[in-house]
Amino acid sequence: MSANRKPKVATVWLDGCSGCHMSFLDIDERLVALSSLIDIVYSPVVDPKDFPTDVDVTLVEGAVSSEEDLHKIQVIRQRTKILISLGDCAVTGNVPAMRNSYEPAELLARAYVENAQSPDSRQPPTRGLPALRPKAQPVHELVKVDLYLPGCPPPADAIHFVVAELLAGRTPDPSQLTRFGR
């Protein structure tokens, strides 16, 4: 990371529950200390619309389930030096991948036709709904991942440890702080 500027850090939410971002926020007062050392340049908790270039570290929560997710993760990988799969959905597909035994058309029919409350709304939306991919996939199946931080969600201490170690120029090993499903 560049010595003459604060490292640029981003967090991204794909197909997941936002629990990993809640855990990130649970860093609490340590987040204030980190904020003096980094620039958070993209996140669901800030407002930029486009993913910036030259990002040092990106933490990605969630599986890749839609064509929009796929495009987003490809852009993120191109523009990020260190990509971290944050949480079990990003690492393994986890809950979003539970849909993988069904075709996307079956999922849409179940959600928007069979479960519709009003007879007038018994069809999938034609606008605003990203096209589903055939399967929900973990991030590493589609782009190179540099570090895995499992957990559902990963504990705040593990997230803080990983970010702090990277800022110190060290390669973190979060295996003592978290594991799949923890």
Protein backbone atom coordinates (compact mmCIF):
# COMPACT_ATOMS: atom_id res chain seq x y z
CA MET A 1 0.00 0.00 0.00
CA SER A 2 1.20 3.44 -0.87
CA ALA A 3 3.16 5.23 1.84
CA ASN A 4 2.09 8.71 0.68
CA ARG A 5 -1.69 8.26 0.95
CA LYS A 6 -4.22 6.47 3.12
CA PRO A 7 -5.10 3.01 1.81
CA LYS A 8 -8.41 2.89 -0.05
CA VAL A 9 -10.78 0.32 1.43
CA ALA A 10 -14.13 -0.78 0.04
CA THR A 11 -16.86 -3.09 1.26
CA VAL A 12 -19.37 -4.68 -1.10
CA TRP A 13 -22.63 -6.49 -0.52
CA LEU A 14 -23.69 -9.02 -3.17
CA ASP A 15 -26.32 -11.72 -2.43
CA GLY A 16 -26.26 -12.04 1.35
CA CYS A 17 -28.08 -10.85 4.42
CA SER A 18 -25.82 -7.90 5.40
CA GLY A 19 -24.75 -9.72 8.56
CA CYS A 20 -21.09 -9.40 7.59
CA HIS A 21 -21.48 -5.64 7.25
CA MET A 22 -23.18 -5.55 10.64
CA SER A 23 -20.19 -7.44 12.05
CA PHE A 24 -17.87 -4.92 10.34
CA LEU A 25 -19.76 -2.12 12.10
CA ASP A 26 -19.47 -4.06 15.37
CA ILE A 27 -15.78 -3.18 15.36
CA ASP A 28 -17.25 -0.21 17.27
CA GLU A 29 -14.70 2.32 18.56
CA ARG A 30 -11.91 0.52 16.70
CA LEU A 31 -13.69 1.57 13.49
CA VAL A 32 -13.10 5.19 14.47
CA ALA A 33 -9.39 4.46 14.94
CA LEU A 34 -9.28 2.62 11.59
CA SER A 35 -11.03 5.50 9.86
CA SER A 36 -8.05 7.75 10.61
CA LEU A 37 -5.78 5.25 8.81
CA ILE A 38 -7.93 4.41 5.76
CA ASP A 39 -10.30 5.99 3.27
CA ILE A 40 -13.53 4.03 2.88
CA VAL A 41 -14.18 4.74 -0.77
CA TYR A 42 -17.13 2.43 -1.45
CA SER A 43 -19.62 0.66 0.81
CA PRO A 44 -23.32 0.20 1.47
CA VAL A 45 -22.74 2.59 4.38
CA VAL A 46 -21.50 5.41 2.08
CA ASP A 47 -23.04 6.79 -1.11
CA PRO A 48 -20.76 6.39 -4.18
CA LYS A 49 -22.60 4.90 -7.15
CA ASP A 50 -19.63 3.59 -9.15
CA PHE A 51 -16.85 1.39 -7.84
CA PRO A 52 -13.63 3.45 -7.85
CA THR A 53 -10.29 2.53 -9.39
CA ASP A 54 -7.09 1.73 -7.54
CA VAL A 55 -8.69 0.28 -4.38
CA ASP A 56 -6.21 -1.32 -2.01
CA VAL A 57 -8.53 -3.70 -0.11
CA THR A 58 -12.10 -4.79 -0.82
CA LEU A 59 -14.16 -6.96 1.51
CA VAL A 60 -16.93 -8.73 -0.43
CA GLU A 61 -19.97 -10.11 1.35
CA GLY A 62 -22.37 -12.48 -0.38
CA ALA A 63 -22.54 -14.96 -3.22
CA VAL A 64 -22.71 -14.12 -6.92
CA SER A 65 -26.35 -14.84 -7.81
CA SER A 66 -27.30 -12.41 -10.57
CA GLU A 67 -25.79 -11.06 -13.76
CA GLU A 68 -25.50 -7.73 -11.92
CA ASP A 69 -23.44 -9.43 -9.17
CA LEU A 70 -21.19 -11.03 -11.79
CA HIS A 71 -20.53 -7.74 -13.55
CA LYS A 72 -19.92 -5.99 -10.23
CA ILE A 73 -17.42 -8.60 -8.95
CA GLN A 74 -15.51 -8.56 -12.25
CA VAL A 75 -15.16 -4.76 -12.08
CA ILE A 76 -14.19 -4.94 -8.41
CA ARG A 77 -11.50 -7.55 -9.10
CA GLN A 78 -10.02 -5.43 -11.89
CA ARG A 79 -9.89 -2.38 -9.64
CA THR A 80 -8.76 -3.98 -6.35
CA LYS A 81 -5.31 -5.03 -5.19
CA ILE A 82 -6.43 -7.34 -2.33
CA LEU A 83 -9.85 -9.00 -2.56
CA ILE A 84 -11.25 -10.61 0.59
CA SER A 85 -14.21 -13.02 0.59
CA LEU A 86 -16.03 -11.90 3.73
CA GLY A 87 -18.32 -14.46 5.30
CA ASP A 88 -19.63 -17.89 4.41
CA CYS A 89 -21.82 -16.74 1.50
CA ALA A 90 -18.82 -15.21 -0.28
CA VAL A 91 -16.55 -18.13 0.68
CA THR A 92 -18.87 -21.09 -0.10
CA GLY A 93 -22.15 -19.79 -1.53
CA ASN A 94 -23.86 -20.76 1.76
CA VAL A 95 -27.52 -19.68 2.07
CA PRO A 96 -27.87 -18.09 -1.41
CA ALA A 97 -26.65 -21.38 -2.94
CA MET A 98 -29.60 -23.22 -1.36
CA ARG A 99 -31.51 -22.19 -4.49
CA ASN A 100 -29.13 -24.10 -6.75
CA SER A 101 -31.35 -27.16 -7.10
CA TYR A 102 -33.97 -25.00 -8.85
CA GLU A 103 -33.97 -23.23 -12.19
CA PRO A 104 -34.24 -19.42 -12.05
CA ALA A 105 -37.67 -19.54 -13.75
CA GLU A 106 -38.93 -21.88 -11.00
CA LEU A 107 -37.69 -19.49 -8.32
CA LEU A 108 -39.36 -16.50 -9.94
CA ALA A 109 -42.63 -18.41 -10.38
CA ARG A 110 -42.60 -19.45 -6.73
CA ALA A 111 -41.84 -15.94 -5.48
CA TYR A 112 -44.01 -13.85 -7.81
CA VAL A 113 -46.80 -16.15 -9.00
CA GLU A 114 -47.49 -18.85 -6.39
CA ASN A 115 -46.91 -16.57 -3.40
CA ALA A 116 -48.48 -13.40 -4.80
CA GLN A 117 -50.99 -11.78 -2.45
CA SER A 118 -52.98 -10.10 -5.20
CA PRO A 119 -54.28 -11.80 -8.37
CA ASP A 120 -53.26 -8.65 -10.28
CA SER A 121 -49.60 -9.06 -9.34
CA ARG A 122 -49.08 -12.71 -10.31
CA GLN A 123 -46.05 -12.25 -12.53
CA PRO A 124 -42.35 -11.56 -12.06
CA PRO A 125 -41.39 -7.89 -12.36
CA THR A 126 -40.27 -6.83 -15.82
CA ARG A 127 -38.08 -3.97 -14.55
CA GLY A 128 -35.72 -3.55 -11.60
CA LEU A 129 -35.03 -7.24 -11.00
CA PRO A 130 -31.52 -8.34 -12.06
CA ALA A 131 -31.37 -11.47 -14.20
CA LEU A 132 -30.58 -14.48 -12.05
CA ARG A 133 -27.60 -16.64 -12.94
CA PRO A 134 -28.26 -20.39 -13.24
CA LYS A 135 -26.52 -20.98 -9.88
CA ALA A 136 -25.43 -18.86 -6.92
CA GLN A 137 -21.64 -19.16 -6.67
CA PRO A 138 -18.94 -18.27 -4.18
CA VAL A 139 -16.74 -15.38 -5.28
CA HIS A 140 -13.59 -17.48 -5.89
CA GLU A 141 -15.32 -19.53 -8.60
CA LEU A 142 -15.58 -16.39 -10.74
CA VAL A 143 -12.60 -14.17 -9.82
CA LYS A 144 -9.33 -14.51 -7.94
CA VAL A 145 -9.68 -14.11 -4.18
CA ASP A 146 -6.64 -13.15 -2.11
CA LEU A 147 -7.92 -13.89 1.39
CA TYR A 148 -10.83 -15.81 2.89
CA LEU A 149 -12.54 -14.65 6.07
CA PRO A 150 -15.24 -17.25 6.84
CA GLY A 151 -17.97 -17.05 9.43
CA CYS A 152 -21.68 -16.41 9.46
CA PRO A 153 -20.90 -13.66 10.09
CA PRO A 154 -17.19 -13.43 10.84
CA PRO A 155 -16.67 -11.96 14.31
CA ALA A 156 -15.84 -8.26 14.50
CA ASP A 157 -12.50 -9.16 16.12
CA ALA A 158 -11.55 -11.27 13.10
CA ILE A 159 -12.47 -8.51 10.64
CA HIS A 160 -10.52 -5.93 12.65
CA PHE A 161 -7.53 -8.28 12.89
CA VAL A 162 -7.44 -8.85 9.12
CA VAL A 163 -7.72 -5.16 8.24
CA ALA A 164 -5.16 -4.14 10.90
CA GLU A 165 -2.68 -6.80 9.75
CA LEU A 166 -3.01 -5.70 6.12
CA LEU A 167 -2.48 -2.07 7.12
CA ALA A 168 0.67 -3.14 8.97
CA GLY A 169 1.92 -4.85 5.79
CA ARG A 170 1.47 -8.38 7.13
CA THR A 171 -0.47 -11.29 5.66
CA PRO A 172 -3.18 -12.15 8.19
CA ASP A 173 -4.15 -15.67 9.23
CA PRO A 174 -7.69 -15.38 10.63
CA SER A 175 -8.01 -19.15 11.23
CA GLN A 176 -7.54 -18.76 14.99
CA LEU A 177 -10.35 -16.20 15.19
CA THR A 178 -13.04 -17.64 12.93
CA ARG A 179 -14.06 -20.61 10.84
CA PHE A 180 -16.89 -21.63 8.55
CA GLY A 181 -20.26 -21.20 10.28
CA ARG A 182 -18.89 -19.39 13.32
